[in-house]
Amino acid sequence: MDLALLTGLRQGELLPLEKRHLTDEGIDMLTANTHKRLIIEWNPELRGVIDRAFDISSRVRQFVICNREGKRYTSDGLRTIWD
């Protein structure tokens, strides 16, 4: 939830967020609808949320938001957890 609030990204843009999108500048990705490049610059709060996400599991993983096996959540899976 914090990640969504700090970035303004929607679920469809957060779920496919990968480690490769995390650059020195910030979060560098293409938007879901317009496919335009978006860079969300780092600030202390955003950096903290990302750091906490990766502290949850020490497993090697591709996605920022993932299950225990490091696999990306589906929209339904995320809704189930949220409920």
Protein backbone atom coordinates (compact mmCIF):
# COMPACT_ATOMS: atom_id res chain seq x y z
CA MET A 1 0.00 0.00 0.00
CA ASP A 2 2.80 2.41 0.86
CA LEU A 3 4.39 1.78 -2.51
CA ALA A 4 1.16 2.74 -4.28
CA LEU A 5 0.77 5.89 -2.20
CA LEU A 6 4.34 7.05 -2.71
CA THR A 7 4.45 6.38 -6.44
CA GLY A 8 0.90 7.02 -7.59
CA LEU A 9 1.07 3.75 -9.51
CA ARG A 10 -1.92 1.49 -9.92
CA GLN A 11 -2.04 -2.21 -9.18
CA GLY A 12 -1.50 -3.07 -12.84
CA GLU A 13 1.72 -1.05 -12.82
CA LEU A 14 2.96 -2.24 -9.43
CA LEU A 15 2.55 -5.98 -9.89
CA PRO A 16 4.96 -6.26 -12.86
CA LEU A 17 7.53 -3.98 -11.15
CA GLU A 18 10.91 -5.74 -11.32
CA LYS A 19 14.31 -5.20 -9.77
CA ARG A 20 15.56 -4.07 -13.18
CA HIS A 21 13.25 -1.04 -12.90
CA LEU A 22 15.14 0.17 -9.81
CA THR A 23 17.93 2.43 -11.02
CA ASP A 24 20.23 4.97 -9.42
CA GLU A 25 17.74 7.68 -10.45
CA GLY A 26 14.69 5.93 -9.03
CA ILE A 27 11.99 3.66 -10.43
CA ASP A 28 12.31 3.70 -14.21
CA MET A 29 9.48 2.01 -16.08
CA LEU A 30 6.91 2.28 -18.84
CA THR A 31 3.38 3.24 -17.84
CA ALA A 32 0.70 0.61 -18.36
CA ASN A 33 -1.72 2.64 -20.47
CA THR A 34 0.44 5.05 -22.47
CA HIS A 35 3.66 3.00 -22.55
CA LYS A 36 5.62 6.18 -21.88
CA ARG A 37 8.79 6.20 -19.80
CA LEU A 38 8.24 7.24 -16.21
CA ILE A 39 10.95 7.89 -13.65
CA ILE A 40 9.88 8.22 -10.04
CA GLU A 41 12.82 9.76 -8.22
CA TRP A 42 14.03 8.33 -4.96
CA ASN A 43 13.15 9.97 -1.69
CA PRO A 44 13.80 8.58 1.79
CA GLU A 45 10.28 7.19 2.18
CA LEU A 46 10.26 5.44 -1.20
CA ARG A 47 13.74 4.01 -0.63
CA GLY A 48 12.59 2.71 2.76
CA VAL A 49 9.54 0.96 1.30
CA ILE A 50 11.63 -0.74 -1.39
CA ASP A 51 14.29 -1.75 1.16
CA ARG A 52 11.61 -3.24 3.44
CA ALA A 53 10.11 -5.16 0.52
CA PHE A 54 13.43 -6.83 -0.15
CA ASP A 55 14.11 -7.43 3.56
CA ILE A 56 10.97 -9.58 3.81
CA SER A 57 12.63 -12.43 1.95
CA SER A 58 16.27 -13.05 1.28
CA ARG A 59 15.46 -15.25 -1.71
CA VAL A 60 16.67 -14.18 -5.10
CA ARG A 61 13.72 -12.66 -6.84
CA GLN A 62 12.80 -10.69 -9.91
CA PHE A 63 9.65 -8.87 -8.77
CA VAL A 64 9.36 -6.21 -6.07
CA ILE A 65 5.95 -7.48 -4.96
CA CYS A 66 6.05 -11.27 -4.95
CA ASN A 67 5.03 -14.40 -3.08
CA ARG A 68 7.34 -16.54 -0.96
CA GLU A 69 8.59 -18.35 -4.04
CA GLY A 70 9.58 -15.04 -5.66
CA LYS A 71 6.79 -15.24 -8.23
CA ARG A 72 4.65 -12.28 -9.23
CA TYR A 73 1.22 -11.98 -7.66
CA THR A 74 -1.80 -11.98 -9.92
CA SER A 75 -4.47 -9.32 -9.40
CA ASP A 76 -6.74 -11.96 -7.84
CA GLY A 77 -3.97 -13.22 -5.58
CA LEU A 78 -3.23 -9.73 -4.32
CA ARG A 79 -6.93 -9.05 -3.70
CA THR A 80 -7.19 -12.28 -1.71
CA ILE A 81 -4.30 -11.23 0.53
CA TRP A 82 -5.75 -7.75 0.91
CA ASP A 83 -9.13 -9.16 1.99
